[in-house]
Amino acid sequence: DGKTSSITPKRIALLNKINFAWRVQEAAWLKHYKDLVQYKEKFGDCMVSLCDENFPQLGLWVKEQRRHYSLLVQNKTSHMTLDRFQTLSNIGFCWASHEATWWQRYKELQQVKEREGTCKIPTKYPPNPKLGTWVHHQRRQYKAFKRGKRSHMTLERIRMLEMIGFVWSSRNATKSQSENTSHIIANQNQMARNAPEVSNTIERVDKHIDETSRRHNMLTLLDILLED
């Protein structure tokens, strides 16, 4: 910017040789992106939980990318760019926040099933209050779906939930532990048989979401950038 500086061409060249980050924000973004790539390689998706112990900051960063994309679509100040959008989309980033949240809760419920042998958790579930509320919400949406009313429930979601032994009736979910115990072994065996299909279905659904969302979001983003 023309101001007096102690930096010299020689120093610049030396710093460039060790890949010095001249733009701090860009360097931070790339670091989190690389973490997300590692997460994708390990777990097969980009649905990072906000409370992931192995990637404590990544979940919040992922959430921020969706927020900045939303701001960009609304023509508000945003750090999202076409290059960043394309980079994230290329690794299967899910831009739909509601869809991402649904799959995050689904995976959390899968973990409960693996740990406890059942999906029968109460609405007030101290280990994960948001999951308890989500489970209750799925039952409400399912009832509305069956009655032909407006609902976020879909046949695909019903199928995925039933494959891990989801209980649609809240009354059944509050049965005594002794009644539930007799079903735990059977549920675990069934889950083991369904595991490959569940994994394949999640991958197939994710790809479908990625492709349709990517096409729509790309067109929207290009329109915004062209207007500018």
C-alpha atoms as a PDB file:
ATOM      1  CA  ASP A   1       0.000   0.000   0.000  1.00  0.00           C
ATOM      2  CA  GLY A   2       3.017   2.258  -0.377  1.00  0.00           C
ATOM      3  CA  LYS A   3       3.769   2.587   3.339  1.00  0.00           C
ATOM      4  CA  THR A   4       7.226   2.174   4.870  1.00  0.00           C
ATOM      5  CA  SER A   5       7.970  -1.483   5.596  1.00  0.00           C
ATOM      6  CA  SER A   6      10.871  -3.642   6.717  1.00  0.00           C
ATOM      7  CA  ILE A   7       9.861  -6.345   4.248  1.00  0.00           C
ATOM      8  CA  THR A   8      12.171  -6.771   1.265  1.00  0.00           C
ATOM      9  CA  PRO A   9      11.933  -8.789  -1.965  1.00  0.00           C
ATOM     10  CA  LYS A  10      14.482 -11.225  -0.533  1.00  0.00           C
ATOM     11  CA  ARG A  11      12.420 -11.755   2.636  1.00  0.00           C
ATOM     12  CA  ILE A  12       9.277 -12.188   0.583  1.00  0.00           C
ATOM     13  CA  ALA A  13      10.982 -14.848  -1.529  1.00  0.00           C
ATOM     14  CA  LEU A  14      12.226 -16.707   1.557  1.00  0.00           C
ATOM     15  CA  LEU A  15       8.781 -16.661   3.151  1.00  0.00           C
ATOM     16  CA  ASN A  16       7.150 -17.850  -0.073  1.00  0.00           C
ATOM     17  CA  LYS A  17       9.507 -20.833  -0.126  1.00  0.00           C
ATOM     18  CA  ILE A  18       8.015 -22.090   3.165  1.00  0.00           C
ATOM     19  CA  ASN A  19       4.440 -21.362   1.991  1.00  0.00           C
ATOM     20  CA  PHE A  20       3.992 -18.436   4.332  1.00  0.00           C
ATOM     21  CA  ALA A  21       0.331 -17.416   4.650  1.00  0.00           C
ATOM     22  CA  TRP A  22       0.032 -13.759   3.710  1.00  0.00           C
ATOM     23  CA  ARG A  23      -3.745 -13.785   4.130  1.00  0.00           C
ATOM     24  CA  VAL A  24      -4.585 -15.037   7.603  1.00  0.00           C
ATOM     25  CA  GLN A  25      -8.304 -15.584   7.005  1.00  0.00           C
ATOM     26  CA  GLU A  26      -7.664 -17.550   3.823  1.00  0.00           C
ATOM     27  CA  ALA A  27      -5.079 -19.694   5.604  1.00  0.00           C
ATOM     28  CA  ALA A  28      -7.534 -20.444   8.424  1.00  0.00           C
ATOM     29  CA  TRP A  29     -10.237 -21.347   5.897  1.00  0.00           C
ATOM     30  CA  LEU A  30      -7.928 -23.761   4.087  1.00  0.00           C
ATOM     31  CA  LYS A  31      -6.900 -25.389   7.370  1.00  0.00           C
ATOM     32  CA  HIS A  32     -10.513 -26.138   8.263  1.00  0.00           C
ATOM     33  CA  TYR A  33     -11.191 -27.307   4.717  1.00  0.00           C
ATOM     34  CA  LYS A  34      -8.333 -29.816   4.980  1.00  0.00           C
ATOM     35  CA  ASP A  35      -9.802 -31.024   8.289  1.00  0.00           C
ATOM     36  CA  LEU A  36     -13.143 -31.486   6.555  1.00  0.00           C
ATOM     37  CA  VAL A  37     -11.497 -33.517   3.792  1.00  0.00           C
ATOM     38  CA  GLN A  38      -9.965 -35.769   6.465  1.00  0.00           C
ATOM     39  CA  TYR A  39     -13.352 -36.102   8.136  1.00  0.00           C
ATOM     40  CA  LYS A  40     -14.949 -37.054   4.805  1.00  0.00           C
ATOM     41  CA  GLU A  41     -12.271 -39.686   4.159  1.00  0.00           C
ATOM     42  CA  LYS A  42     -12.844 -41.173   7.611  1.00  0.00           C
ATOM     43  CA  PHE A  43     -16.643 -41.065   7.873  1.00  0.00           C
ATOM     44  CA  GLY A  44     -17.811 -40.813   4.256  1.00  0.00           C
ATOM     45  CA  ASP A  45     -19.712 -37.511   4.567  1.00  0.00           C
ATOM     46  CA  CYS A  46     -19.394 -33.855   5.601  1.00  0.00           C
ATOM     47  CA  MET A  47     -22.056 -33.940   8.345  1.00  0.00           C
ATOM     48  CA  VAL A  48     -19.837 -32.818  11.220  1.00  0.00           C
ATOM     49  CA  SER A  49     -21.436 -32.605  14.641  1.00  0.00           C
ATOM     50  CA  LEU A  50     -20.996 -29.440  16.689  1.00  0.00           C
ATOM     51  CA  CYS A  51     -19.795 -31.584  19.581  1.00  0.00           C
ATOM     52  CA  ASP A  52     -17.395 -33.906  17.727  1.00  0.00           C
ATOM     53  CA  GLU A  53     -14.526 -34.628  20.121  1.00  0.00           C
ATOM     54  CA  ASN A  54     -12.063 -35.460  17.338  1.00  0.00           C
ATOM     55  CA  PHE A  55     -12.859 -32.270  15.390  1.00  0.00           C
ATOM     56  CA  PRO A  56     -13.908 -29.768  18.097  1.00  0.00           C
ATOM     57  CA  GLN A  57     -13.844 -26.640  15.893  1.00  0.00           C
ATOM     58  CA  LEU A  58     -14.841 -28.168  12.582  1.00  0.00           C
ATOM     59  CA  GLY A  59     -18.556 -28.516  13.319  1.00  0.00           C
ATOM     60  CA  LEU A  60     -18.891 -24.803  14.034  1.00  0.00           C
ATOM     61  CA  TRP A  61     -16.894 -23.944  10.909  1.00  0.00           C
ATOM     62  CA  VAL A  62     -19.170 -26.132   8.760  1.00  0.00           C
ATOM     63  CA  LYS A  63     -22.200 -24.391  10.238  1.00  0.00           C
ATOM     64  CA  GLU A  64     -20.608 -21.018   9.462  1.00  0.00           C
ATOM     65  CA  GLN A  65     -20.117 -21.975   5.799  1.00  0.00           C
ATOM     66  CA  ARG A  66     -23.850 -22.601   5.465  1.00  0.00           C
ATOM     67  CA  ARG A  67     -24.606 -19.324   7.230  1.00  0.00           C
ATOM     68  CA  HIS A  68     -22.318 -17.338   4.937  1.00  0.00           C
ATOM     69  CA  TYR A  69     -23.801 -19.031   1.879  1.00  0.00           C
ATOM     70  CA  SER A  70     -27.259 -18.024   3.097  1.00  0.00           C
ATOM     71  CA  LEU A  71     -26.053 -14.433   3.563  1.00  0.00           C
ATOM     72  CA  LEU A  72     -24.616 -14.406   0.054  1.00  0.00           C
ATOM     73  CA  VAL A  73     -27.888 -15.633  -1.446  1.00  0.00           C
ATOM     74  CA  GLN A  74     -29.634 -12.778   0.378  1.00  0.00           C
ATOM     75  CA  ASN A  75     -27.140 -10.262  -1.106  1.00  0.00           C
ATOM     76  CA  LYS A  76     -25.730  -9.547   2.349  1.00  0.00           C
ATOM     77  CA  THR A  77     -22.099  -9.255   3.412  1.00  0.00           C
ATOM     78  CA  SER A  78     -20.544 -12.716   3.307  1.00  0.00           C
ATOM     79  CA  HIS A  79     -17.172 -14.464   3.234  1.00  0.00           C
ATOM     80  CA  MET A  80     -18.522 -17.064   0.805  1.00  0.00           C
ATOM     81  CA  THR A  81     -17.115 -16.936  -2.721  1.00  0.00           C
ATOM     82  CA  LEU A  82     -17.764 -18.903  -5.895  1.00  0.00           C
ATOM     83  CA  ASP A  83     -14.372 -20.596  -5.524  1.00  0.00           C
ATOM     84  CA  ARG A  84     -15.112 -21.672  -1.943  1.00  0.00           C
ATOM     85  CA  PHE A  85     -18.581 -22.812  -2.936  1.00  0.00           C
ATOM     86  CA  GLN A  86     -17.207 -24.979  -5.734  1.00  0.00           C
ATOM     87  CA  THR A  87     -14.406 -26.339  -3.543  1.00  0.00           C
ATOM     88  CA  LEU A  88     -16.833 -27.441  -0.826  1.00  0.00           C
ATOM     89  CA  SER A  89     -19.400 -28.759  -3.287  1.00  0.00           C
ATOM     90  CA  ASN A  90     -16.760 -30.944  -4.930  1.00  0.00           C
ATOM     91  CA  ILE A  91     -16.354 -32.959  -1.715  1.00  0.00           C
ATOM     92  CA  GLY A  92     -20.099 -33.386  -1.192  1.00  0.00           C
ATOM     93  CA  PHE A  93     -20.778 -30.513   1.211  1.00  0.00           C
ATOM     94  CA  CYS A  94     -24.465 -30.326   2.164  1.00  0.00           C
ATOM     95  CA  TRP A  95     -25.695 -26.746   1.857  1.00  0.00           C
ATOM     96  CA  ALA A  96     -29.240 -27.452   3.074  1.00  0.00           C
ATOM     97  CA  SER A  97     -29.054 -26.784   6.823  1.00  0.00           C
ATOM     98  CA  HIS A  98     -32.323 -28.565   7.653  1.00  0.00           C
ATOM     99  CA  GLU A  99     -31.267 -31.669   5.737  1.00  0.00           C
ATOM    100  CA  ALA A 100     -27.841 -31.624   7.362  1.00  0.00           C
ATOM    101  CA  THR A 101     -29.392 -31.323  10.827  1.00  0.00           C
ATOM    102  CA  TRP A 102     -31.728 -34.259  10.162  1.00  0.00           C
ATOM    103  CA  TRP A 103     -28.858 -36.548   9.174  1.00  0.00           C
ATOM    104  CA  GLN A 104     -26.765 -35.379  12.108  1.00  0.00           C
ATOM    105  CA  ARG A 105     -29.526 -36.351  14.547  1.00  0.00           C
ATOM    106  CA  TYR A 106     -30.074 -39.608  12.693  1.00  0.00           C
ATOM    107  CA  LYS A 107     -26.428 -40.529  13.157  1.00  0.00           C
ATOM    108  CA  GLU A 108     -26.629 -39.590  16.829  1.00  0.00           C
ATOM    109  CA  LEU A 109     -29.608 -41.930  17.166  1.00  0.00           C
ATOM    110  CA  GLN A 110     -27.622 -44.649  15.417  1.00  0.00           C
ATOM    111  CA  GLN A 111     -24.924 -44.228  18.041  1.00  0.00           C
ATOM    112  CA  VAL A 112     -27.495 -44.594  20.820  1.00  0.00           C
ATOM    113  CA  LYS A 113     -28.752 -47.765  19.183  1.00  0.00           C
ATOM    114  CA  GLU A 114     -25.229 -49.176  18.934  1.00  0.00           C
ATOM    115  CA  ARG A 115     -24.480 -48.255  22.542  1.00  0.00           C
ATOM    116  CA  GLU A 116     -27.775 -49.105  24.243  1.00  0.00           C
ATOM    117  CA  GLY A 117     -29.360 -51.540  21.822  1.00  0.00           C
ATOM    118  CA  THR A 118     -32.526 -49.499  21.360  1.00  0.00           C
ATOM    119  CA  CYS A 119     -33.855 -46.275  19.811  1.00  0.00           C
ATOM    120  CA  LYS A 120     -36.470 -45.913  22.539  1.00  0.00           C
ATOM    121  CA  ILE A 121     -35.373 -42.701  24.182  1.00  0.00           C
ATOM    122  CA  PRO A 122     -37.687 -40.238  25.968  1.00  0.00           C
ATOM    123  CA  THR A 123     -38.368 -36.669  24.859  1.00  0.00           C
ATOM    124  CA  LYS A 124     -36.448 -35.460  27.901  1.00  0.00           C
ATOM    125  CA  TYR A 125     -33.189 -37.301  27.300  1.00  0.00           C
ATOM    126  CA  PRO A 126     -30.449 -35.832  29.574  1.00  0.00           C
ATOM    127  CA  PRO A 127     -27.445 -37.276  27.657  1.00  0.00           C
ATOM    128  CA  ASN A 128     -28.602 -35.437  24.519  1.00  0.00           C
ATOM    129  CA  PRO A 129     -31.645 -33.137  25.014  1.00  0.00           C
ATOM    130  CA  LYS A 130     -31.735 -32.081  21.352  1.00  0.00           C
ATOM    131  CA  LEU A 131     -31.875 -35.696  20.224  1.00  0.00           C
ATOM    132  CA  GLY A 132     -34.788 -36.438  22.552  1.00  0.00           C
ATOM    133  CA  THR A 133     -36.689 -33.472  21.127  1.00  0.00           C
ATOM    134  CA  TRP A 134     -35.823 -34.569  17.588  1.00  0.00           C
ATOM    135  CA  VAL A 135     -37.128 -38.099  18.197  1.00  0.00           C
ATOM    136  CA  HIS A 136     -40.389 -36.653  19.524  1.00  0.00           C
ATOM    137  CA  HIS A 137     -40.588 -34.397  16.466  1.00  0.00           C
ATOM    138  CA  GLN A 138     -40.155 -37.364  14.098  1.00  0.00           C
ATOM    139  CA  ARG A 139     -43.166 -39.051  15.683  1.00  0.00           C
ATOM    140  CA  ARG A 140     -45.261 -35.898  15.259  1.00  0.00           C
ATOM    141  CA  GLN A 141     -44.190 -35.512  11.642  1.00  0.00           C
ATOM    142  CA  TYR A 142     -44.938 -39.182  10.998  1.00  0.00           C
ATOM    143  CA  LYS A 143     -48.497 -38.808  12.343  1.00  0.00           C
ATOM    144  CA  ALA A 144     -49.063 -35.779  10.126  1.00  0.00           C
ATOM    145  CA  PHE A 145     -47.638 -37.664   7.149  1.00  0.00           C
ATOM    146  CA  LYS A 146     -50.019 -40.608   7.694  1.00  0.00           C
ATOM    147  CA  ARG A 147     -52.988 -38.229   7.907  1.00  0.00           C
ATOM    148  CA  GLY A 148     -52.035 -36.566   4.641  1.00  0.00           C
ATOM    149  CA  LYS A 149     -51.180 -33.295   6.331  1.00  0.00           C
ATOM    150  CA  ARG A 150     -48.169 -31.077   5.682  1.00  0.00           C
ATOM    151  CA  SER A 151     -45.073 -32.790   7.021  1.00  0.00           C
ATOM    152  CA  HIS A 152     -41.289 -32.906   6.677  1.00  0.00           C
ATOM    153  CA  MET A 153     -41.446 -36.685   6.898  1.00  0.00           C
ATOM    154  CA  THR A 154     -40.717 -38.623   3.713  1.00  0.00           C
ATOM    155  CA  LEU A 155     -40.879 -42.265   2.708  1.00  0.00           C
ATOM    156  CA  GLU A 156     -37.088 -42.343   2.571  1.00  0.00           C
ATOM    157  CA  ARG A 157     -36.794 -41.002   6.116  1.00  0.00           C
ATOM    158  CA  ILE A 158     -39.397 -43.476   7.371  1.00  0.00           C
ATOM    159  CA  ARG A 159     -37.477 -46.314   5.769  1.00  0.00           C
ATOM    160  CA  MET A 160     -34.160 -45.182   7.221  1.00  0.00           C
ATOM    161  CA  LEU A 161     -35.590 -44.792  10.729  1.00  0.00           C
ATOM    162  CA  GLU A 162     -37.311 -48.167  10.658  1.00  0.00           C
ATOM    163  CA  MET A 163     -34.106 -49.849   9.537  1.00  0.00           C
ATOM    164  CA  ILE A 164     -32.494 -48.951  12.869  1.00  0.00           C
ATOM    165  CA  GLY A 165     -35.556 -49.958  14.872  1.00  0.00           C
ATOM    166  CA  PHE A 166     -37.210 -46.574  15.397  1.00  0.00           C
ATOM    167  CA  VAL A 167     -40.357 -46.738  17.551  1.00  0.00           C
ATOM    168  CA  TRP A 168     -43.169 -44.562  16.209  1.00  0.00           C
ATOM    169  CA  SER A 169     -45.421 -44.841  19.255  1.00  0.00           C
ATOM    170  CA  SER A 170     -44.370 -42.788  22.286  1.00  0.00           C
ATOM    171  CA  ARG A 171     -46.288 -45.221  24.499  1.00  0.00           C
ATOM    172  CA  ASN A 172     -44.061 -48.057  23.354  1.00  0.00           C
ATOM    173  CA  ALA A 173     -41.046 -45.863  23.974  1.00  0.00           C
ATOM    174  CA  THR A 174     -41.908 -45.560  27.668  1.00  0.00           C
ATOM    175  CA  LYS A 175     -42.330 -49.260  28.411  1.00  0.00           C
ATOM    176  CA  SER A 176     -40.431 -50.648  31.346  1.00  0.00           C
ATOM    177  CA  GLN A 177     -36.803 -51.672  30.943  1.00  0.00           C
ATOM    178  CA  SER A 178     -37.684 -55.298  31.577  1.00  0.00           C
ATOM    179  CA  GLU A 179     -40.026 -55.317  28.595  1.00  0.00           C
ATOM    180  CA  ASN A 180     -37.388 -53.698  26.405  1.00  0.00           C
ATOM    181  CA  THR A 181     -34.546 -56.006  27.416  1.00  0.00           C
ATOM    182  CA  SER A 182     -35.980 -59.026  25.625  1.00  0.00           C
ATOM    183  CA  HIS A 183     -35.826 -57.117  22.342  1.00  0.00           C
ATOM    184  CA  ILE A 184     -32.304 -55.736  22.643  1.00  0.00           C
ATOM    185  CA  ILE A 185     -30.440 -58.785  21.303  1.00  0.00           C
ATOM    186  CA  ALA A 186     -32.883 -59.179  18.418  1.00  0.00           C
ATOM    187  CA  ASN A 187     -32.570 -55.471  17.610  1.00  0.00           C
ATOM    188  CA  GLN A 188     -28.776 -55.621  17.625  1.00  0.00           C
ATOM    189  CA  ASN A 189     -28.752 -58.612  15.279  1.00  0.00           C
ATOM    190  CA  GLN A 190     -31.223 -56.912  12.963  1.00  0.00           C
ATOM    191  CA  MET A 191     -29.137 -53.736  12.977  1.00  0.00           C
ATOM    192  CA  ALA A 192     -26.042 -55.730  12.070  1.00  0.00           C
ATOM    193  CA  ARG A 193     -27.894 -57.266   9.120  1.00  0.00           C
ATOM    194  CA  ASN A 194     -29.175 -53.861   8.026  1.00  0.00           C
ATOM    195  CA  ALA A 195     -25.881 -52.003   8.537  1.00  0.00           C
ATOM    196  CA  PRO A 196     -24.536 -52.409   4.967  1.00  0.00           C
ATOM    197  CA  GLU A 197     -27.858 -51.365   3.464  1.00  0.00           C
ATOM    198  CA  VAL A 198     -28.155 -48.389   5.817  1.00  0.00           C
ATOM    199  CA  SER A 199     -24.656 -47.257   4.873  1.00  0.00           C
ATOM    200  CA  ASN A 200     -25.330 -47.669   1.155  1.00  0.00           C
ATOM    201  CA  THR A 201     -28.649 -45.837   1.420  1.00  0.00           C
ATOM    202  CA  ILE A 202     -27.096 -42.927   3.317  1.00  0.00           C
ATOM    203  CA  GLU A 203     -24.389 -42.672   0.658  1.00  0.00           C
ATOM    204  CA  ARG A 204     -26.965 -42.811  -2.134  1.00  0.00           C
ATOM    205  CA  VAL A 205     -29.209 -40.211  -0.511  1.00  0.00           C
ATOM    206  CA  ASP A 206     -26.219 -37.957   0.213  1.00  0.00           C
ATOM    207  CA  LYS A 207     -25.140 -38.130  -3.428  1.00  0.00           C
ATOM    208  CA  HIS A 208     -28.665 -37.298  -4.588  1.00  0.00           C
ATOM    209  CA  ILE A 209     -28.846 -34.347  -2.182  1.00  0.00           C
ATOM    210  CA  ASP A 210     -25.387 -33.180  -3.212  1.00  0.00           C
ATOM    211  CA  GLU A 211     -26.115 -33.281  -6.957  1.00  0.00           C
ATOM    212  CA  THR A 212     -29.536 -31.582  -6.853  1.00  0.00           C
ATOM    213  CA  SER A 213     -28.465 -29.049  -4.229  1.00  0.00           C
ATOM    214  CA  ARG A 214     -25.219 -28.312  -6.095  1.00  0.00           C
ATOM    215  CA  ARG A 215     -26.963 -27.601  -9.392  1.00  0.00           C
ATOM    216  CA  HIS A 216     -29.536 -25.321  -7.781  1.00  0.00           C
ATOM    217  CA  ASN A 217     -27.035 -23.511  -5.563  1.00  0.00           C
ATOM    218  CA  MET A 218     -24.534 -23.035  -8.374  1.00  0.00           C
ATOM    219  CA  LEU A 219     -27.135 -21.351 -10.573  1.00  0.00           C
ATOM    220  CA  THR A 220     -28.264 -19.140  -7.697  1.00  0.00           C
ATOM    221  CA  LEU A 221     -24.701 -18.164  -6.826  1.00  0.00           C
ATOM    222  CA  LEU A 222     -23.793 -17.410 -10.432  1.00  0.00           C
ATOM    223  CA  ASP A 223     -26.871 -15.175 -10.799  1.00  0.00           C
ATOM    224  CA  ILE A 224     -25.830 -13.212  -7.708  1.00  0.00           C
ATOM    225  CA  LEU A 225     -22.223 -12.807  -8.857  1.00  0.00           C
ATOM    226  CA  LEU A 226     -23.293 -11.755 -12.353  1.00  0.00           C
ATOM    227  CA  GLU A 227     -25.582  -9.101 -10.864  1.00  0.00           C
ATOM    228  CA  ASP A 228     -22.620  -7.653  -8.987  1.00  0.00           C
END
